[in-house]
Amino acid sequence: MEFRDLFVILGSFQNVLNFFVSHKLLASCQQCSRCGSNMELTETTRVNDGYMWRCTNKRCRTWLSRRSGSFFKGSNIPLSTWLHLMFLWAMQISGSKIARLTSLSKPTVIHALSELRTICSNKVLNAGIKLGGLGNTVEIDESKFGAKRKYKRGRVSAGPWVFGVVERGS
């Protein structure tokens, strides 16, 4: 996606919803958890997103957030801002710049970016990608991040261990 494509999508909220549904970040259909009936997407002013799921069973009529079942659930960030944030993150823009460009606070951006990193790392870990094999070289390295020690003096670093793995030629 290019920057001009982002502006076209951000031009209408319906385009933003369609984008998230087409990329399976929002559900295209929903079933009622109370009665099991299908739910329909209903326009409403009760929420900022403008739509909620409503049960089609006349006895039930349960309402459900448009964001239910997605990682957007519980977030007060508008969906259009989420899309903008994701685009900037994919373009490797710093968190402080993203905060300025999206008018979100730094702690909110840090939390959102942490969620995105968690989702991406879970996707990679669950993908079942195998490295190596006959004739392939795999390099593994580890580093300890935290306070720097010089000449083996001072406290031992309390930071996290980070492991990196790369397959040569990939």
C-alpha atoms as a PDB file:
ATOM      1  CA  MET A   1       0.000   0.000   0.000  1.00  0.00           C
ATOM      2  CA  GLU A   2       1.233   3.456  -0.852  1.00  0.00           C
ATOM      3  CA  PHE A   3       0.525   6.725   0.923  1.00  0.00           C
ATOM      4  CA  ARG A   4      -2.025   7.840  -1.677  1.00  0.00           C
ATOM      5  CA  ASP A   5      -3.901   4.522  -1.252  1.00  0.00           C
ATOM      6  CA  LEU A   6      -4.064   5.189   2.490  1.00  0.00           C
ATOM      7  CA  PHE A   7      -5.622   8.604   1.882  1.00  0.00           C
ATOM      8  CA  VAL A   8      -8.254   7.098  -0.419  1.00  0.00           C
ATOM      9  CA  ILE A   9      -9.185   4.527   2.228  1.00  0.00           C
ATOM     10  CA  LEU A  10      -9.176   7.097   5.030  1.00  0.00           C
ATOM     11  CA  GLY A  11     -11.476   9.280   2.910  1.00  0.00           C
ATOM     12  CA  SER A  12     -14.554   7.386   4.097  1.00  0.00           C
ATOM     13  CA  PHE A  13     -15.260   5.341   7.179  1.00  0.00           C
ATOM     14  CA  GLN A  14     -16.973   2.689   5.048  1.00  0.00           C
ATOM     15  CA  ASN A  15     -13.704   2.241   3.123  1.00  0.00           C
ATOM     16  CA  VAL A  16     -11.853   1.738   6.424  1.00  0.00           C
ATOM     17  CA  LEU A  17     -14.382  -0.911   7.526  1.00  0.00           C
ATOM     18  CA  ASN A  18     -14.184  -2.651   4.144  1.00  0.00           C
ATOM     19  CA  PHE A  19     -10.381  -2.648   4.325  1.00  0.00           C
ATOM     20  CA  PHE A  20     -10.344  -4.277   7.766  1.00  0.00           C
ATOM     21  CA  VAL A  21     -12.993  -6.845   6.766  1.00  0.00           C
ATOM     22  CA  SER A  22     -11.180  -7.726   3.523  1.00  0.00           C
ATOM     23  CA  HIS A  23      -7.927  -8.249   5.472  1.00  0.00           C
ATOM     24  CA  LYS A  24      -9.786 -10.334   8.110  1.00  0.00           C
ATOM     25  CA  LEU A  25      -9.074  -7.893  10.933  1.00  0.00           C
ATOM     26  CA  LEU A  26     -12.828  -7.433  11.502  1.00  0.00           C
ATOM     27  CA  ALA A  27     -15.518 -10.096  11.177  1.00  0.00           C
ATOM     28  CA  SER A  28     -17.755 -10.094   8.096  1.00  0.00           C
ATOM     29  CA  CYS A  29     -20.493 -11.970   9.971  1.00  0.00           C
ATOM     30  CA  GLN A  30     -21.306 -12.712  13.594  1.00  0.00           C
ATOM     31  CA  GLN A  31     -23.434 -15.169  15.576  1.00  0.00           C
ATOM     32  CA  CYS A  32     -25.282 -14.244  18.747  1.00  0.00           C
ATOM     33  CA  SER A  33     -23.669 -15.734  21.844  1.00  0.00           C
ATOM     34  CA  ARG A  34     -27.034 -15.862  23.672  1.00  0.00           C
ATOM     35  CA  CYS A  35     -29.353 -17.543  21.159  1.00  0.00           C
ATOM     36  CA  GLY A  36     -27.041 -18.633  18.312  1.00  0.00           C
ATOM     37  CA  SER A  37     -28.910 -16.663  15.626  1.00  0.00           C
ATOM     38  CA  ASN A  38     -27.129 -14.686  12.932  1.00  0.00           C
ATOM     39  CA  MET A  39     -26.456 -11.043  13.672  1.00  0.00           C
ATOM     40  CA  GLU A  40     -26.758  -8.154  11.244  1.00  0.00           C
ATOM     41  CA  LEU A  41     -24.640  -5.052  11.051  1.00  0.00           C
ATOM     42  CA  THR A  42     -26.807  -2.107  12.107  1.00  0.00           C
ATOM     43  CA  GLU A  43     -26.038   1.578  11.833  1.00  0.00           C
ATOM     44  CA  THR A  44     -26.189   3.300  15.219  1.00  0.00           C
ATOM     45  CA  THR A  45     -25.090   6.462  16.991  1.00  0.00           C
ATOM     46  CA  ARG A  46     -24.410   4.525  20.215  1.00  0.00           C
ATOM     47  CA  VAL A  47     -20.727   4.010  19.307  1.00  0.00           C
ATOM     48  CA  ASN A  48     -18.016   6.006  17.527  1.00  0.00           C
ATOM     49  CA  ASP A  49     -17.632   3.345  14.846  1.00  0.00           C
ATOM     50  CA  GLY A  50     -21.237   3.954  13.743  1.00  0.00           C
ATOM     51  CA  TYR A  51     -22.117   0.246  13.496  1.00  0.00           C
ATOM     52  CA  MET A  52     -22.943  -2.554  15.906  1.00  0.00           C
ATOM     53  CA  TRP A  53     -23.961  -6.183  15.466  1.00  0.00           C
ATOM     54  CA  ARG A  54     -27.623  -6.799  16.319  1.00  0.00           C
ATOM     55  CA  CYS A  55     -29.256 -10.200  16.772  1.00  0.00           C
ATOM     56  CA  THR A  56     -31.933 -10.946  14.160  1.00  0.00           C
ATOM     57  CA  ASN A  57     -33.977 -13.024  16.640  1.00  0.00           C
ATOM     58  CA  LYS A  58     -36.898 -10.790  17.704  1.00  0.00           C
ATOM     59  CA  ARG A  59     -36.919 -12.312  21.198  1.00  0.00           C
ATOM     60  CA  CYS A  60     -33.210 -11.759  21.781  1.00  0.00           C
ATOM     61  CA  ARG A  61     -32.160  -8.480  20.074  1.00  0.00           C
ATOM     62  CA  THR A  62     -28.703  -8.561  21.658  1.00  0.00           C
ATOM     63  CA  TRP A  63     -26.261  -5.832  20.631  1.00  0.00           C
ATOM     64  CA  LEU A  64     -22.556  -6.530  20.152  1.00  0.00           C
ATOM     65  CA  SER A  65     -19.645  -4.239  19.352  1.00  0.00           C
ATOM     66  CA  ARG A  66     -18.441  -4.133  15.746  1.00  0.00           C
ATOM     67  CA  ARG A  67     -14.964  -4.758  17.143  1.00  0.00           C
ATOM     68  CA  SER A  68     -15.856  -7.928  19.076  1.00  0.00           C
ATOM     69  CA  GLY A  69     -13.679 -10.897  18.238  1.00  0.00           C
ATOM     70  CA  SER A  70     -10.807  -8.709  17.025  1.00  0.00           C
ATOM     71  CA  PHE A  71      -7.773  -7.182  18.685  1.00  0.00           C
ATOM     72  CA  PHE A  72      -9.530  -3.786  18.370  1.00  0.00           C
ATOM     73  CA  LYS A  73     -11.941  -4.910  21.111  1.00  0.00           C
ATOM     74  CA  GLY A  74     -11.585  -2.710  24.173  1.00  0.00           C
ATOM     75  CA  SER A  75      -9.658  -0.027  22.299  1.00  0.00           C
ATOM     76  CA  ASN A  76     -10.968   3.536  22.181  1.00  0.00           C
ATOM     77  CA  ILE A  77      -8.750   4.415  19.223  1.00  0.00           C
ATOM     78  CA  PRO A  78     -10.901   5.091  16.129  1.00  0.00           C
ATOM     79  CA  LEU A  79     -10.506   2.469  13.402  1.00  0.00           C
ATOM     80  CA  SER A  80      -9.299   5.074  10.914  1.00  0.00           C
ATOM     81  CA  THR A  81      -6.558   6.072  13.365  1.00  0.00           C
ATOM     82  CA  TRP A  82      -5.648   2.385  13.816  1.00  0.00           C
ATOM     83  CA  LEU A  83      -5.177   2.097  10.061  1.00  0.00           C
ATOM     84  CA  HIS A  84      -3.056   5.249   9.981  1.00  0.00           C
ATOM     85  CA  LEU A  85      -0.993   3.958  12.923  1.00  0.00           C
ATOM     86  CA  MET A  86      -0.458   0.551  11.281  1.00  0.00           C
ATOM     87  CA  PHE A  87       0.651   2.179   8.042  1.00  0.00           C
ATOM     88  CA  LEU A  88       3.152   4.434   9.808  1.00  0.00           C
ATOM     89  CA  TRP A  89       4.463   1.492  11.850  1.00  0.00           C
ATOM     90  CA  ALA A  90       4.933  -0.564   8.668  1.00  0.00           C
ATOM     91  CA  MET A  91       6.864   2.379   7.206  1.00  0.00           C
ATOM     92  CA  GLN A  92       9.170   2.176  10.275  1.00  0.00           C
ATOM     93  CA  ILE A  93       8.239   5.604  11.622  1.00  0.00           C
ATOM     94  CA  SER A  94       9.263   6.150  15.269  1.00  0.00           C
ATOM     95  CA  GLY A  95       6.692   5.974  18.056  1.00  0.00           C
ATOM     96  CA  SER A  96       7.063   9.643  18.965  1.00  0.00           C
ATOM     97  CA  LYS A  97       6.482  10.702  15.337  1.00  0.00           C
ATOM     98  CA  ILE A  98       3.463   8.383  15.127  1.00  0.00           C
ATOM     99  CA  ALA A  99       2.087  10.041  18.282  1.00  0.00           C
ATOM    100  CA  ARG A 100       2.448  13.475  16.684  1.00  0.00           C
ATOM    101  CA  LEU A 101       0.995  12.419  13.315  1.00  0.00           C
ATOM    102  CA  THR A 102      -2.017  10.584  14.782  1.00  0.00           C
ATOM    103  CA  SER A 103      -2.673  13.013  17.684  1.00  0.00           C
ATOM    104  CA  LEU A 104      -2.460  10.127  20.151  1.00  0.00           C
ATOM    105  CA  SER A 105      -0.501  10.242  23.401  1.00  0.00           C
ATOM    106  CA  LYS A 106       2.901   8.534  23.498  1.00  0.00           C
ATOM    107  CA  PRO A 107       1.751   5.912  26.061  1.00  0.00           C
ATOM    108  CA  THR A 108      -1.233   5.039  23.845  1.00  0.00           C
ATOM    109  CA  VAL A 109       1.008   4.666  20.789  1.00  0.00           C
ATOM    110  CA  ILE A 110       3.535   2.581  22.745  1.00  0.00           C
ATOM    111  CA  HIS A 111       0.753   0.249  23.912  1.00  0.00           C
ATOM    112  CA  ALA A 112      -0.733  -0.015  20.397  1.00  0.00           C
ATOM    113  CA  LEU A 113       2.661  -0.757  18.833  1.00  0.00           C
ATOM    114  CA  SER A 114       3.312  -3.366  21.503  1.00  0.00           C
ATOM    115  CA  GLU A 115       0.010  -5.051  20.566  1.00  0.00           C
ATOM    116  CA  LEU A 116       1.000  -5.032  16.888  1.00  0.00           C
ATOM    117  CA  ARG A 117       4.434  -6.502  17.644  1.00  0.00           C
ATOM    118  CA  THR A 118       2.848  -9.232  19.787  1.00  0.00           C
ATOM    119  CA  ILE A 119       0.388 -10.151  17.037  1.00  0.00           C
ATOM    120  CA  CYS A 120       3.136 -10.259  14.403  1.00  0.00           C
ATOM    121  CA  SER A 121       5.498 -12.316  16.567  1.00  0.00           C
ATOM    122  CA  ASN A 122       2.709 -14.801  17.407  1.00  0.00           C
ATOM    123  CA  LYS A 123       1.937 -15.125  13.700  1.00  0.00           C
ATOM    124  CA  VAL A 124       5.586 -15.850  12.886  1.00  0.00           C
ATOM    125  CA  LEU A 125       5.988 -18.306  15.782  1.00  0.00           C
ATOM    126  CA  ASN A 126       2.816 -20.201  14.829  1.00  0.00           C
ATOM    127  CA  ALA A 127       3.673 -20.294  11.117  1.00  0.00           C
ATOM    128  CA  GLY A 128       5.835 -23.381  11.562  1.00  0.00           C
ATOM    129  CA  ILE A 129       8.690 -22.014   9.470  1.00  0.00           C
ATOM    130  CA  LYS A 130      11.674 -24.355   9.417  1.00  0.00           C
ATOM    131  CA  LEU A 131      15.195 -23.083   8.932  1.00  0.00           C
ATOM    132  CA  GLY A 132      18.232 -24.960   7.755  1.00  0.00           C
ATOM    133  CA  GLY A 133      18.448 -28.312   6.099  1.00  0.00           C
ATOM    134  CA  LEU A 134      21.061 -30.045   4.017  1.00  0.00           C
ATOM    135  CA  GLY A 135      23.565 -27.530   2.633  1.00  0.00           C
ATOM    136  CA  ASN A 136      22.015 -24.492   4.383  1.00  0.00           C
ATOM    137  CA  THR A 137      23.790 -22.469   7.063  1.00  0.00           C
ATOM    138  CA  VAL A 138      21.823 -21.081   9.999  1.00  0.00           C
ATOM    139  CA  GLU A 139      23.401 -18.420  12.230  1.00  0.00           C
ATOM    140  CA  ILE A 140      22.183 -17.962  15.804  1.00  0.00           C
ATOM    141  CA  ASP A 141      23.313 -15.181  18.121  1.00  0.00           C
ATOM    142  CA  GLU A 142      22.251 -13.807  21.477  1.00  0.00           C
ATOM    143  CA  SER A 143      22.696 -10.431  23.138  1.00  0.00           C
ATOM    144  CA  LYS A 144      21.940  -9.075  26.583  1.00  0.00           C
ATOM    145  CA  PHE A 145      20.391  -5.607  26.595  1.00  0.00           C
ATOM    146  CA  GLY A 146      20.517  -3.280  29.566  1.00  0.00           C
ATOM    147  CA  ALA A 147      23.171  -1.354  31.484  1.00  0.00           C
ATOM    148  CA  LYS A 148      26.638  -1.409  29.932  1.00  0.00           C
ATOM    149  CA  ARG A 149      29.552  -2.931  31.863  1.00  0.00           C
ATOM    150  CA  LYS A 150      33.098  -1.901  31.059  1.00  0.00           C
ATOM    151  CA  TYR A 151      36.138  -3.914  31.995  1.00  0.00           C
ATOM    152  CA  LYS A 152      33.959  -6.442  33.879  1.00  0.00           C
ATOM    153  CA  ARG A 153      33.177  -3.873  36.580  1.00  0.00           C
ATOM    154  CA  GLY A 154      29.829  -2.744  37.910  1.00  0.00           C
ATOM    155  CA  ARG A 155      26.500  -4.485  38.172  1.00  0.00           C
ATOM    156  CA  VAL A 156      25.385  -7.369  36.031  1.00  0.00           C
ATOM    157  CA  SER A 157      22.868  -6.238  33.429  1.00  0.00           C
ATOM    158  CA  ALA A 158      19.229  -6.913  34.340  1.00  0.00           C
ATOM    159  CA  GLY A 159      17.940  -6.431  30.786  1.00  0.00           C
ATOM    160  CA  PRO A 160      16.358  -9.061  28.536  1.00  0.00           C
ATOM    161  CA  TRP A 161      18.143 -11.627  26.411  1.00  0.00           C
ATOM    162  CA  VAL A 162      17.423 -11.292  22.694  1.00  0.00           C
ATOM    163  CA  PHE A 163      18.042 -14.183  20.290  1.00  0.00           C
ATOM    164  CA  GLY A 164      18.438 -13.763  16.551  1.00  0.00           C
ATOM    165  CA  VAL A 165      18.283 -16.470  13.919  1.00  0.00           C
ATOM    166  CA  VAL A 166      19.024 -16.072  10.209  1.00  0.00           C
ATOM    167  CA  GLU A 167      19.436 -18.545   7.393  1.00  0.00           C
ATOM    168  CA  ARG A 168      22.191 -17.650   4.940  1.00  0.00           C
ATOM    169  CA  GLY A 169      20.914 -17.005   1.455  1.00  0.00           C
ATOM    170  CA  SER A 170      17.350 -16.204   2.518  1.00  0.00           C
END
